[in-house]
Amino acid sequence: MRGVRWSRDAQADVATIDDEFDKIDPNTASRVGTSAINAARFLADYPGAGPAVPNTRLRKWRVAGTPYILLYRLADGDLFIVRVIHVARDRQQFL
């Protein structure tokens, strides 16, 4: 099994998402975080599952039950989560 590493930006994304949802509903905050972790674990086993992002080395994966996408790539044999972004955001600024 590959390891999963999260960039500083991805860690900050998750922290921001958690802070925002925690104000509204702590259970939702927990569910979103757990779903993101589960998605990353799945991708560590099946890194080719997400479609490639054109003109980059990145792939993307929708976090189940949430409006978020993981942008990721393989790095030194591990899965590297680059960003966690809302589907409504312009992804080009993160590439």
Foldseek 3Di string as FASTA:
>chain_A
DAAEAEDPQAVVQLVVLLVVVVVVPNVVNVVQVVLVVVVQVVCQVVVVPFDADPPDQWGWDDRPPFQWIFIWHDDPSHIYTQHIDGVPDDCVVSD
